[in-house]
Amino acid sequence: MNQLAHVRFGGRLARTAALMAALLIPGAVFAQSSPFQTGANSLVTFAQTIGTPIAALVIIGLAIAAAVGKVSWGWVIGALVGIAAIFGAPTIVSWIRTLFGV
């Protein structure tokens, strides 16, 4: 094989390798989960783990305070709605994403 044929073969091999890499790399990239998605899921899990006992104590404290007349029952209902929104956030987000077809 002369020198010119060797250079042509090497160039063709390099183009073929580049084409194969360009075709296969996007599949590998999309196969991984997003770092943002992983971090967001970890944050939600952490918030729910820490928030559950805190929410229970807040509701108990507000209910006792409302029962003795120190705060209105509207605060208790507002806290219940807020806590339901916080803990239902993943379900609400998935519902909205399905609604808009994302």
N, C-alpha and C. Protein backbone atom coordinates (compact mmCIF):
# COMPACT_ATOMS: atom_id res chain seq x y z
N MET A 1 0.86 -1.15 0.00
CA MET A 1 0.00 0.00 0.00
C MET A 1 0.92 1.23 0.00
N ASN A 2 0.68 2.12 -0.91
CA ASN A 2 1.54 3.29 -0.96
C ASN A 2 1.09 4.33 0.07
N GLN A 3 1.88 5.37 0.19
CA GLN A 3 1.64 6.38 1.22
C GLN A 3 0.31 7.11 1.01
N LEU A 4 -0.04 7.44 -0.22
CA LEU A 4 -1.27 8.17 -0.51
C LEU A 4 -2.50 7.32 -0.18
N ALA A 5 -2.48 6.05 -0.50
CA ALA A 5 -3.60 5.17 -0.19
C ALA A 5 -3.76 5.01 1.32
N HIS A 6 -2.66 4.99 2.04
CA HIS A 6 -2.70 4.87 3.49
C HIS A 6 -3.34 6.11 4.12
N VAL A 7 -3.05 7.29 3.60
CA VAL A 7 -3.63 8.52 4.11
C VAL A 7 -5.12 8.56 3.83
N ARG A 8 -5.53 8.12 2.63
CA ARG A 8 -6.95 8.10 2.29
C ARG A 8 -7.71 7.14 3.20
N PHE A 9 -7.12 5.97 3.45
CA PHE A 9 -7.78 5.00 4.33
C PHE A 9 -7.90 5.54 5.76
N GLY A 10 -6.85 6.19 6.23
CA GLY A 10 -6.87 6.78 7.57
C GLY A 10 -7.92 7.87 7.67
N GLY A 11 -8.04 8.70 6.65
CA GLY A 11 -9.04 9.76 6.65
C GLY A 11 -10.45 9.19 6.62
N ARG A 12 -10.65 8.15 5.82
CA ARG A 12 -11.96 7.51 5.76
C ARG A 12 -12.30 6.84 7.08
N LEU A 13 -11.32 6.24 7.69
CA LEU A 13 -11.53 5.60 8.99
C LEU A 13 -11.88 6.64 10.05
N ALA A 14 -11.21 7.77 10.02
CA ALA A 14 -11.49 8.83 10.99
C ALA A 14 -12.90 9.38 10.78
N ARG A 15 -13.31 9.58 9.52
CA ARG A 15 -14.66 10.09 9.25
C ARG A 15 -15.71 9.08 9.69
N THR A 16 -15.46 7.81 9.45
CA THR A 16 -16.40 6.78 9.86
C THR A 16 -16.51 6.72 11.38
N ALA A 17 -15.39 6.83 12.07
CA ALA A 17 -15.40 6.81 13.54
C ALA A 17 -16.14 8.03 14.08
N ALA A 18 -15.92 9.19 13.47
CA ALA A 18 -16.60 10.41 13.91
C ALA A 18 -18.11 10.29 13.68
N LEU A 19 -18.50 9.72 12.54
CA LEU A 19 -19.91 9.54 12.24
C LEU A 19 -20.56 8.58 13.24
N MET A 20 -19.90 7.49 13.55
CA MET A 20 -20.43 6.53 14.50
C MET A 20 -20.55 7.16 15.90
N ALA A 21 -19.55 7.95 16.28
CA ALA A 21 -19.61 8.61 17.58
C ALA A 21 -20.76 9.61 17.62
N ALA A 22 -20.95 10.33 16.53
CA ALA A 22 -22.04 11.31 16.49
C ALA A 22 -23.41 10.63 16.55
N LEU A 23 -23.50 9.43 16.04
CA LEU A 23 -24.77 8.72 16.06
C LEU A 23 -25.03 8.03 17.40
N LEU A 24 -23.98 7.59 18.07
CA LEU A 24 -24.16 6.82 19.29
C LEU A 24 -24.14 7.65 20.56
N ILE A 25 -23.44 8.76 20.58
CA ILE A 25 -23.32 9.56 21.80
C ILE A 25 -24.66 10.14 22.26
N PRO A 26 -25.51 10.68 21.37
CA PRO A 26 -26.79 11.21 21.88
C PRO A 26 -27.63 10.15 22.58
N GLY A 27 -27.60 8.93 22.13
CA GLY A 27 -28.34 7.86 22.80
C GLY A 27 -27.83 7.62 24.21
N ALA A 28 -26.51 7.68 24.36
CA ALA A 28 -25.93 7.50 25.69
C ALA A 28 -26.26 8.67 26.60
N VAL A 29 -26.30 9.86 26.03
CA VAL A 29 -26.61 11.04 26.84
C VAL A 29 -28.06 11.01 27.29
N PHE A 30 -28.98 10.66 26.39
CA PHE A 30 -30.39 10.64 26.76
C PHE A 30 -30.73 9.46 27.66
N ALA A 31 -29.88 8.46 27.72
CA ALA A 31 -30.15 7.31 28.58
C ALA A 31 -29.96 7.66 30.05
N GLN A 32 -29.16 8.68 30.33
CA GLN A 32 -28.91 9.08 31.70
C GLN A 32 -30.01 10.01 32.18
N SER A 33 -30.22 10.02 33.46
CA SER A 33 -31.20 10.96 34.00
C SER A 33 -30.52 12.31 34.20
N SER A 34 -31.31 13.34 34.20
CA SER A 34 -30.81 14.70 34.34
C SER A 34 -30.29 14.92 35.76
N PRO A 35 -29.17 15.61 35.91
CA PRO A 35 -28.69 15.93 37.27
C PRO A 35 -29.69 16.81 38.01
N PHE A 36 -30.39 17.69 37.28
CA PHE A 36 -31.40 18.53 37.91
C PHE A 36 -32.55 17.68 38.44
N GLN A 37 -32.97 16.69 37.66
CA GLN A 37 -34.05 15.81 38.07
C GLN A 37 -33.66 15.03 39.32
N THR A 38 -32.43 14.53 39.35
CA THR A 38 -31.96 13.77 40.50
C THR A 38 -31.90 14.66 41.74
N GLY A 39 -31.38 15.87 41.58
CA GLY A 39 -31.30 16.80 42.71
C GLY A 39 -32.67 17.22 43.20
N ALA A 40 -33.58 17.47 42.27
CA ALA A 40 -34.93 17.88 42.65
C ALA A 40 -35.65 16.76 43.40
N ASN A 41 -35.49 15.53 42.93
CA ASN A 41 -36.11 14.40 43.62
C ASN A 41 -35.54 14.23 45.03
N SER A 42 -34.22 14.41 45.17
CA SER A 42 -33.60 14.31 46.49
C SER A 42 -34.10 15.40 47.42
N LEU A 43 -34.25 16.61 46.88
CA LEU A 43 -34.74 17.72 47.70
C LEU A 43 -36.18 17.48 48.17
N VAL A 44 -37.02 16.99 47.28
CA VAL A 44 -38.41 16.72 47.65
C VAL A 44 -38.48 15.61 48.70
N THR A 45 -37.69 14.57 48.52
CA THR A 45 -37.67 13.47 49.50
C THR A 45 -37.20 13.97 50.86
N PHE A 46 -36.14 14.79 50.85
CA PHE A 46 -35.62 15.33 52.10
C PHE A 46 -36.65 16.24 52.79
N ALA A 47 -37.28 17.10 52.00
CA ALA A 47 -38.27 18.03 52.57
C ALA A 47 -39.45 17.27 53.16
N GLN A 48 -39.87 16.21 52.52
CA GLN A 48 -41.00 15.43 53.05
C GLN A 48 -40.60 14.68 54.31
N THR A 49 -39.38 14.20 54.35
CA THR A 49 -38.91 13.47 55.54
C THR A 49 -38.83 14.40 56.75
N ILE A 50 -38.27 15.58 56.55
CA ILE A 50 -38.13 16.53 57.65
C ILE A 50 -39.46 17.21 57.94
N GLY A 51 -40.24 17.48 56.90
CA GLY A 51 -41.47 18.25 57.05
C GLY A 51 -42.62 17.52 57.71
N THR A 52 -42.64 16.21 57.65
CA THR A 52 -43.77 15.47 58.21
C THR A 52 -43.94 15.68 59.71
N PRO A 53 -42.91 15.46 60.53
CA PRO A 53 -43.11 15.70 61.96
C PRO A 53 -43.32 17.18 62.29
N ILE A 54 -42.65 18.06 61.53
CA ILE A 54 -42.82 19.50 61.77
C ILE A 54 -44.26 19.91 61.46
N ALA A 55 -44.80 19.42 60.36
CA ALA A 55 -46.18 19.76 59.99
C ALA A 55 -47.16 19.26 61.03
N ALA A 56 -46.93 18.07 61.54
CA ALA A 56 -47.82 17.53 62.58
C ALA A 56 -47.79 18.41 63.83
N LEU A 57 -46.60 18.84 64.24
CA LEU A 57 -46.49 19.69 65.41
C LEU A 57 -47.13 21.07 65.19
N VAL A 58 -46.98 21.60 63.99
CA VAL A 58 -47.59 22.90 63.68
C VAL A 58 -49.11 22.81 63.74
N ILE A 59 -49.66 21.76 63.15
CA ILE A 59 -51.12 21.60 63.16
C ILE A 59 -51.63 21.41 64.59
N ILE A 60 -50.93 20.61 65.38
CA ILE A 60 -51.34 20.40 66.77
C ILE A 60 -51.29 21.73 67.54
N GLY A 61 -50.20 22.47 67.38
CA GLY A 61 -50.06 23.74 68.07
C GLY A 61 -51.12 24.75 67.65
N LEU A 62 -51.38 24.85 66.34
CA LEU A 62 -52.41 25.77 65.87
C LEU A 62 -53.81 25.36 66.34
N ALA A 63 -54.08 24.07 66.34
CA ALA A 63 -55.40 23.61 66.79
C ALA A 63 -55.61 23.91 68.27
N ILE A 64 -54.58 23.70 69.08
CA ILE A 64 -54.70 24.01 70.50
C ILE A 64 -54.87 25.52 70.69
N ALA A 65 -54.08 26.31 69.94
CA ALA A 65 -54.20 27.77 70.05
C ALA A 65 -55.58 28.25 69.60
N ALA A 66 -56.12 27.64 68.57
CA ALA A 66 -57.46 28.03 68.10
C ALA A 66 -58.53 27.59 69.09
N ALA A 67 -58.32 26.44 69.72
CA ALA A 67 -59.32 25.95 70.67
C ALA A 67 -59.42 26.84 71.91
N VAL A 68 -58.30 27.44 72.31
CA VAL A 68 -58.34 28.32 73.48
C VAL A 68 -58.56 29.78 73.10
N GLY A 69 -58.74 30.03 71.80
CA GLY A 69 -59.09 31.36 71.34
C GLY A 69 -57.94 32.30 71.08
N LYS A 70 -56.72 31.81 70.94
CA LYS A 70 -55.57 32.67 70.70
C LYS A 70 -55.37 33.00 69.22
N VAL A 71 -55.78 32.11 68.33
CA VAL A 71 -55.74 32.37 66.88
C VAL A 71 -57.08 31.94 66.29
N SER A 72 -57.35 32.44 65.10
CA SER A 72 -58.61 32.06 64.46
C SER A 72 -58.46 30.69 63.80
N TRP A 73 -59.60 30.04 63.57
CA TRP A 73 -59.59 28.74 62.91
C TRP A 73 -59.17 28.87 61.45
N GLY A 74 -59.23 30.07 60.91
CA GLY A 74 -58.75 30.30 59.54
C GLY A 74 -57.27 30.00 59.39
N TRP A 75 -56.49 30.28 60.45
CA TRP A 75 -55.07 29.95 60.43
C TRP A 75 -54.86 28.44 60.36
N VAL A 76 -55.67 27.71 61.10
CA VAL A 76 -55.55 26.25 61.10
C VAL A 76 -55.89 25.70 59.71
N ILE A 77 -56.98 26.20 59.14
CA ILE A 77 -57.38 25.74 57.80
C ILE A 77 -56.34 26.14 56.75
N GLY A 78 -55.83 27.37 56.87
CA GLY A 78 -54.78 27.81 55.95
C GLY A 78 -53.52 26.97 56.04
N ALA A 79 -53.14 26.61 57.26
CA ALA A 79 -51.97 25.75 57.45
C ALA A 79 -52.21 24.36 56.86
N LEU A 80 -53.42 23.83 57.05
CA LEU A 80 -53.75 22.52 56.47
C LEU A 80 -53.68 22.55 54.95
N VAL A 81 -54.20 23.60 54.34
CA VAL A 81 -54.16 23.72 52.88
C VAL A 81 -52.72 23.87 52.40
N GLY A 82 -51.93 24.68 53.11
CA GLY A 82 -50.53 24.86 52.74
C GLY A 82 -49.73 23.58 52.85
N ILE A 83 -49.94 22.84 53.91
CA ILE A 83 -49.23 21.58 54.09
C ILE A 83 -49.65 20.56 53.03
N ALA A 84 -50.93 20.54 52.70
CA ALA A 84 -51.40 19.64 51.65
C ALA A 84 -50.76 20.01 50.31
N ALA A 85 -50.61 21.31 50.05
CA ALA A 85 -49.97 21.74 48.80
C ALA A 85 -48.49 21.36 48.77
N ILE A 86 -47.82 21.49 49.91
CA ILE A 86 -46.39 21.15 49.96
C ILE A 86 -46.18 19.66 49.74
N PHE A 87 -46.94 18.84 50.45
CA PHE A 87 -46.74 17.40 50.33
C PHE A 87 -47.37 16.84 49.05
N GLY A 88 -48.30 17.55 48.48
CA GLY A 88 -48.90 17.11 47.22
C GLY A 88 -48.23 17.70 45.99
N ALA A 89 -47.14 18.45 46.19
CA ALA A 89 -46.48 19.13 45.08
C ALA A 89 -46.05 18.18 43.96
N PRO A 90 -45.43 17.03 44.23
CA PRO A 90 -45.05 16.15 43.12
C PRO A 90 -46.26 15.69 42.31
N THR A 91 -47.36 15.40 42.99
CA THR A 91 -48.57 14.97 42.28
C THR A 91 -49.16 16.12 41.48
N ILE A 92 -49.15 17.32 42.05
CA ILE A 92 -49.68 18.49 41.35
C ILE A 92 -48.85 18.79 40.11
N VAL A 93 -47.52 18.72 40.25
CA VAL A 93 -46.64 19.00 39.11
C VAL A 93 -46.84 17.97 38.01
N SER A 94 -46.94 16.69 38.36
CA SER A 94 -47.16 15.67 37.33
C SER A 94 -48.52 15.84 36.67
N TRP A 95 -49.52 16.27 37.42
CA TRP A 95 -50.84 16.52 36.85
C TRP A 95 -50.79 17.67 35.85
N ILE A 96 -50.08 18.75 36.21
CA ILE A 96 -49.97 19.90 35.31
C ILE A 96 -49.17 19.54 34.06
N ARG A 97 -48.11 18.74 34.23
CA ARG A 97 -47.31 18.32 33.07
C ARG A 97 -48.17 17.47 32.12
N THR A 98 -49.02 16.60 32.67
CA THR A 98 -49.89 15.79 31.81
C THR A 98 -50.94 16.67 31.15
N LEU A 99 -51.40 17.67 31.85
CA LEU A 99 -52.41 18.57 31.31
C LEU A 99 -51.88 19.29 30.08
N PHE A 100 -50.61 19.71 30.12
CA PHE A 100 -50.01 20.45 29.01
C PHE A 100 -49.25 19.54 28.04
N GLY A 101 -49.25 18.24 28.30
CA GLY A 101 -48.62 17.30 27.39
C GLY A 101 -47.11 17.35 27.38
N VAL A 102 -46.51 17.67 28.52
CA VAL A 102 -45.04 17.75 28.60
C VAL A 102 -44.51 16.43 29.09
